[in-house]
Amino acid sequence: MAGANGSAQHGPLQNLIRRYDKTGALLGSFIPWSTPQKTLPPPVRSVLVSSKDRVGWYSPVSHEYVEFSLDGTAMSRFTTPSTQSDAIFGAALCDDGTVFAATPRPFSDGKPASWGILALARNSGQWSFISMNEAQAQGRLFGCDGTSLAVTTDDRTISWLNPVR
């Protein structure tokens, strides 16, 4: 889980990501608040995503996507795409390591605000839009389902997208 402990005892440098077992016992914690590159409260609008061998923490507020192994070792770190908003409409980490993020796309060139899905190119660290939905102001990315992405634009139905990888 990603979160904060507001106790005065731990202060602002307590660890942000924590692992628990089935009974609720703390197994470990990592990514101290002092680690992110920007000023924030880190859990705000952040999303945890997981695959079979890693967990990712996507934080548009701190402009970071961090992946770590299941034992808590940091594996990689990327800058999130720059948008005019710190909003996120979901993220996904697929078992093949592909990372996706759904984010608002602001009003521009006479077109209304919309949303789209970005994919991370790991070799360059760049994010690029792979899908745009200009007919809807927003949608939600739920995650990976095999090689497909589960998404919605109306909160009543789920659609599966098959992005080119």
C-alpha atoms as a PDB file:
ATOM      1  CA  MET A   1       0.000   0.000   0.000  1.00  0.00           C
ATOM      2  CA  ALA A   2       1.030   3.591  -0.468  1.00  0.00           C
ATOM      3  CA  GLY A   3       0.215   5.991   2.286  1.00  0.00           C
ATOM      4  CA  ALA A   4       1.274   8.161   5.143  1.00  0.00           C
ATOM      5  CA  ASN A   5       1.353   7.743   8.891  1.00  0.00           C
ATOM      6  CA  GLY A   6       0.423  11.053  10.443  1.00  0.00           C
ATOM      7  CA  SER A   7       1.983  10.376  13.835  1.00  0.00           C
ATOM      8  CA  ALA A   8       4.423  12.875  15.280  1.00  0.00           C
ATOM      9  CA  GLN A   9       6.633   9.942  16.303  1.00  0.00           C
ATOM     10  CA  HIS A  10       7.573   9.022  12.732  1.00  0.00           C
ATOM     11  CA  GLY A  11       7.656  12.491  11.176  1.00  0.00           C
ATOM     12  CA  PRO A  12       7.711  13.167   7.449  1.00  0.00           C
ATOM     13  CA  LEU A  13      10.551  10.742   6.608  1.00  0.00           C
ATOM     14  CA  GLN A  14       8.709   7.513   7.291  1.00  0.00           C
ATOM     15  CA  ASN A  15       8.523   5.035   4.465  1.00  0.00           C
ATOM     16  CA  LEU A  16       5.822   5.566   1.887  1.00  0.00           C
ATOM     17  CA  ILE A  17       5.299   2.057   0.449  1.00  0.00           C
ATOM     18  CA  ARG A  18       4.571  -0.781   2.853  1.00  0.00           C
ATOM     19  CA  ARG A  19       4.156  -4.545   2.460  1.00  0.00           C
ATOM     20  CA  TYR A  20       1.831  -6.553   4.709  1.00  0.00           C
ATOM     21  CA  ASP A  21       1.038 -10.239   5.025  1.00  0.00           C
ATOM     22  CA  LYS A  22      -2.492 -11.747   5.020  1.00  0.00           C
ATOM     23  CA  THR A  23      -2.904 -11.109   8.744  1.00  0.00           C
ATOM     24  CA  GLY A  24      -1.998  -7.433   8.450  1.00  0.00           C
ATOM     25  CA  ALA A  25       1.499  -7.747   9.917  1.00  0.00           C
ATOM     26  CA  LEU A  26       3.994  -5.297   8.406  1.00  0.00           C
ATOM     27  CA  LEU A  27       6.625  -7.176   6.360  1.00  0.00           C
ATOM     28  CA  GLY A  28       8.649  -4.199   5.196  1.00  0.00           C
ATOM     29  CA  SER A  29       8.535  -0.654   3.940  1.00  0.00           C
ATOM     30  CA  PHE A  30      10.496   1.423   1.491  1.00  0.00           C
ATOM     31  CA  ILE A  31      10.655   4.635  -0.591  1.00  0.00           C
ATOM     32  CA  PRO A  32      11.059   7.275   2.133  1.00  0.00           C
ATOM     33  CA  TRP A  33       9.203  10.563   1.696  1.00  0.00           C
ATOM     34  CA  SER A  34      12.543  12.258   1.167  1.00  0.00           C
ATOM     35  CA  THR A  35      13.186  10.163  -1.972  1.00  0.00           C
ATOM     36  CA  PRO A  36      10.741  11.701  -4.478  1.00  0.00           C
ATOM     37  CA  GLN A  37      12.179  14.491  -6.604  1.00  0.00           C
ATOM     38  CA  LYS A  38       9.462  17.094  -5.973  1.00  0.00           C
ATOM     39  CA  THR A  39       7.771  18.642  -2.967  1.00  0.00           C
ATOM     40  CA  LEU A  40       4.544  16.804  -2.258  1.00  0.00           C
ATOM     41  CA  PRO A  41       2.607  14.740   0.030  1.00  0.00           C
ATOM     42  CA  PRO A  42       3.575  11.679  -2.051  1.00  0.00           C
ATOM     43  CA  PRO A  43       0.437   9.540  -1.704  1.00  0.00           C
ATOM     44  CA  VAL A  44      -1.841  12.224  -3.142  1.00  0.00           C
ATOM     45  CA  ARG A  45      -3.267  10.960  -6.447  1.00  0.00           C
ATOM     46  CA  SER A  46      -0.668   8.200  -6.631  1.00  0.00           C
ATOM     47  CA  VAL A  47      -1.404   4.713  -7.916  1.00  0.00           C
ATOM     48  CA  LEU A  48       0.171   1.373  -7.084  1.00  0.00           C
ATOM     49  CA  VAL A  49       0.289  -1.139  -9.933  1.00  0.00           C
ATOM     50  CA  SER A  50       1.573  -4.695  -9.872  1.00  0.00           C
ATOM     51  CA  SER A  51       2.653  -7.536 -12.108  1.00  0.00           C
ATOM     52  CA  LYS A  52       3.891 -11.031 -11.402  1.00  0.00           C
ATOM     53  CA  ASP A  53       7.396  -9.924 -10.400  1.00  0.00           C
ATOM     54  CA  ARG A  54       7.284  -6.230  -9.471  1.00  0.00           C
ATOM     55  CA  VAL A  55       5.259  -3.344  -8.130  1.00  0.00           C
ATOM     56  CA  GLY A  56       5.170   0.150  -9.584  1.00  0.00           C
ATOM     57  CA  TRP A  57       4.296   3.440  -7.905  1.00  0.00           C
ATOM     58  CA  TYR A  58       2.980   6.091 -10.299  1.00  0.00           C
ATOM     59  CA  SER A  59       2.840   9.569  -8.779  1.00  0.00           C
ATOM     60  CA  PRO A  60       1.932  12.438 -11.105  1.00  0.00           C
ATOM     61  CA  VAL A  61       2.227  14.856  -8.180  1.00  0.00           C
ATOM     62  CA  SER A  62       5.897  14.004  -7.654  1.00  0.00           C
ATOM     63  CA  HIS A  63       6.397  13.364 -11.397  1.00  0.00           C
ATOM     64  CA  GLU A  64       7.826   9.904 -10.806  1.00  0.00           C
ATOM     65  CA  TYR A  65       7.154   6.305 -11.708  1.00  0.00           C
ATOM     66  CA  VAL A  66       9.240   3.942  -9.559  1.00  0.00           C
ATOM     67  CA  GLU A  67       9.385   0.163  -9.897  1.00  0.00           C
ATOM     68  CA  PHE A  68      10.650  -2.164  -7.233  1.00  0.00           C
ATOM     69  CA  SER A  69      10.970  -5.885  -6.760  1.00  0.00           C
ATOM     70  CA  LEU A  70       8.700  -7.717  -4.373  1.00  0.00           C
ATOM     71  CA  ASP A  71      11.403  -7.537  -1.682  1.00  0.00           C
ATOM     72  CA  GLY A  72      11.467  -3.729  -1.937  1.00  0.00           C
ATOM     73  CA  THR A  73      14.612  -3.221  -4.015  1.00  0.00           C
ATOM     74  CA  ALA A  74      14.270  -0.247  -6.376  1.00  0.00           C
ATOM     75  CA  MET A  75      14.578  -1.529  -9.947  1.00  0.00           C
ATOM     76  CA  SER A  76      13.939   1.539 -12.106  1.00  0.00           C
ATOM     77  CA  ARG A  77      12.779   5.127 -11.939  1.00  0.00           C
ATOM     78  CA  PHE A  78      11.209   7.285 -14.658  1.00  0.00           C
ATOM     79  CA  THR A  79       9.771  10.784 -14.905  1.00  0.00           C
ATOM     80  CA  THR A  80       6.009  10.776 -15.534  1.00  0.00           C
ATOM     81  CA  PRO A  81       4.630  12.553 -18.596  1.00  0.00           C
ATOM     82  CA  SER A  82       4.153  16.268 -18.242  1.00  0.00           C
ATOM     83  CA  THR A  83       0.558  17.440 -18.441  1.00  0.00           C
ATOM     84  CA  GLN A  84      -1.133  20.579 -17.179  1.00  0.00           C
ATOM     85  CA  SER A  85      -2.746  18.547 -14.437  1.00  0.00           C
ATOM     86  CA  ASP A  86      -1.602  16.192 -11.711  1.00  0.00           C
ATOM     87  CA  ALA A  87      -4.687  14.057 -12.339  1.00  0.00           C
ATOM     88  CA  ILE A  88      -4.439  10.427 -13.334  1.00  0.00           C
ATOM     89  CA  PHE A  89      -7.226   8.216 -14.619  1.00  0.00           C
ATOM     90  CA  GLY A  90      -5.441   4.960 -13.844  1.00  0.00           C
ATOM     91  CA  ALA A  91      -2.220   3.106 -14.561  1.00  0.00           C
ATOM     92  CA  ALA A  92      -1.268  -0.429 -15.495  1.00  0.00           C
ATOM     93  CA  LEU A  93       1.850  -2.576 -15.270  1.00  0.00           C
ATOM     94  CA  CYS A  94       1.501  -5.661 -17.441  1.00  0.00           C
ATOM     95  CA  ASP A  95       3.297  -8.943 -16.807  1.00  0.00           C
ATOM     96  CA  ASP A  96       5.522  -8.310 -19.841  1.00  0.00           C
ATOM     97  CA  GLY A  97       6.745  -5.086 -18.155  1.00  0.00           C
ATOM     98  CA  THR A  98       4.785  -2.654 -20.335  1.00  0.00           C
ATOM     99  CA  VAL A  99       3.584   0.403 -18.395  1.00  0.00           C
ATOM    100  CA  PHE A 100       0.534   2.475 -19.305  1.00  0.00           C
ATOM    101  CA  ALA A 101      -1.017   5.595 -17.756  1.00  0.00           C
ATOM    102  CA  ALA A 102      -4.334   7.273 -18.504  1.00  0.00           C
ATOM    103  CA  THR A 103      -4.229  11.025 -18.143  1.00  0.00           C
ATOM    104  CA  PRO A 104      -6.240  14.083 -19.087  1.00  0.00           C
ATOM    105  CA  ARG A 105      -5.313  15.928 -22.208  1.00  0.00           C
ATOM    106  CA  PRO A 106      -6.036  19.637 -21.826  1.00  0.00           C
ATOM    107  CA  PHE A 107      -8.054  21.800 -24.147  1.00  0.00           C
ATOM    108  CA  SER A 108      -5.922  22.903 -27.102  1.00  0.00           C
ATOM    109  CA  ASP A 109      -6.176  23.993 -30.728  1.00  0.00           C
ATOM    110  CA  GLY A 110      -9.923  24.482 -30.410  1.00  0.00           C
ATOM    111  CA  LYS A 111     -10.449  20.867 -29.348  1.00  0.00           C
ATOM    112  CA  PRO A 112     -12.193  20.117 -26.033  1.00  0.00           C
ATOM    113  CA  ALA A 113     -10.394  18.495 -23.138  1.00  0.00           C
ATOM    114  CA  SER A 114     -10.105  14.734 -23.524  1.00  0.00           C
ATOM    115  CA  TRP A 115      -8.162  11.825 -22.129  1.00  0.00           C
ATOM    116  CA  GLY A 116      -5.696   9.367 -23.491  1.00  0.00           C
ATOM    117  CA  ILE A 117      -3.527   6.392 -22.656  1.00  0.00           C
ATOM    118  CA  LEU A 118       0.226   6.730 -22.704  1.00  0.00           C
ATOM    119  CA  ALA A 119       2.835   3.982 -22.924  1.00  0.00           C
ATOM    120  CA  LEU A 120       6.327   4.163 -21.468  1.00  0.00           C
ATOM    121  CA  ALA A 121       9.276   3.434 -23.769  1.00  0.00           C
ATOM    122  CA  ARG A 122      11.700   2.045 -21.203  1.00  0.00           C
ATOM    123  CA  ASN A 123      14.830   2.511 -23.317  1.00  0.00           C
ATOM    124  CA  SER A 124      14.296   6.275 -23.715  1.00  0.00           C
ATOM    125  CA  GLY A 125      12.124   6.984 -20.661  1.00  0.00           C
ATOM    126  CA  GLN A 126       9.636   8.790 -22.940  1.00  0.00           C
ATOM    127  CA  TRP A 127       5.851   8.498 -22.731  1.00  0.00           C
ATOM    128  CA  SER A 128       3.697   8.672 -25.846  1.00  0.00           C
ATOM    129  CA  PHE A 129      -0.036   8.590 -26.457  1.00  0.00           C
ATOM    130  CA  ILE A 130      -1.179   5.256 -27.899  1.00  0.00           C
ATOM    131  CA  SER A 131      -4.897   5.930 -27.612  1.00  0.00           C
ATOM    132  CA  MET A 132      -6.957   9.091 -27.506  1.00  0.00           C
ATOM    133  CA  ASN A 133     -10.641   9.444 -26.811  1.00  0.00           C
ATOM    134  CA  GLU A 134     -11.635  12.916 -27.918  1.00  0.00           C
ATOM    135  CA  ALA A 135     -15.349  12.094 -27.655  1.00  0.00           C
ATOM    136  CA  GLN A 136     -15.158  11.743 -23.859  1.00  0.00           C
ATOM    137  CA  ALA A 137     -13.712  14.239 -21.390  1.00  0.00           C
ATOM    138  CA  GLN A 138     -12.440  11.458 -19.173  1.00  0.00           C
ATOM    139  CA  GLY A 139     -12.202   7.735 -18.733  1.00  0.00           C
ATOM    140  CA  ARG A 140     -10.516   5.235 -16.477  1.00  0.00           C
ATOM    141  CA  LEU A 141      -7.796   2.649 -16.997  1.00  0.00           C
ATOM    142  CA  PHE A 142      -8.314  -0.309 -14.649  1.00  0.00           C
ATOM    143  CA  GLY A 143      -5.277  -2.393 -15.547  1.00  0.00           C
ATOM    144  CA  CYS A 144      -3.931  -5.194 -17.697  1.00  0.00           C
ATOM    145  CA  ASP A 145      -5.919  -8.301 -18.524  1.00  0.00           C
ATOM    146  CA  GLY A 146      -3.436 -10.536 -20.273  1.00  0.00           C
ATOM    147  CA  THR A 147      -2.272  -8.454 -23.232  1.00  0.00           C
ATOM    148  CA  SER A 148      -5.344  -6.188 -23.192  1.00  0.00           C
ATOM    149  CA  LEU A 149      -6.103  -3.047 -21.205  1.00  0.00           C
ATOM    150  CA  ALA A 150      -9.390  -2.828 -19.303  1.00  0.00           C
ATOM    151  CA  VAL A 151     -10.876   0.689 -19.611  1.00  0.00           C
ATOM    152  CA  THR A 152     -14.163   2.555 -19.258  1.00  0.00           C
ATOM    153  CA  THR A 153     -15.529   5.896 -20.392  1.00  0.00           C
ATOM    154  CA  ASP A 154     -18.909   5.783 -18.694  1.00  0.00           C
ATOM    155  CA  ASP A 155     -18.402   3.836 -15.420  1.00  0.00           C
ATOM    156  CA  ARG A 156     -21.091   1.352 -16.531  1.00  0.00           C
ATOM    157  CA  THR A 157     -19.219  -0.752 -19.066  1.00  0.00           C
ATOM    158  CA  ILE A 158     -15.707  -2.077 -19.411  1.00  0.00           C
ATOM    159  CA  SER A 159     -13.955  -2.292 -22.765  1.00  0.00           C
ATOM    160  CA  TRP A 160     -10.756  -4.101 -23.624  1.00  0.00           C
ATOM    161  CA  LEU A 161      -8.144  -2.379 -25.779  1.00  0.00           C
ATOM    162  CA  ASN A 162      -5.354  -4.269 -27.511  1.00  0.00           C
ATOM    163  CA  PRO A 163      -2.525  -1.752 -27.815  1.00  0.00           C
ATOM    164  CA  VAL A 164       0.294  -2.258 -30.263  1.00  0.00           C
ATOM    165  CA  ARG A 165       3.430  -2.938 -28.268  1.00  0.00           C
END
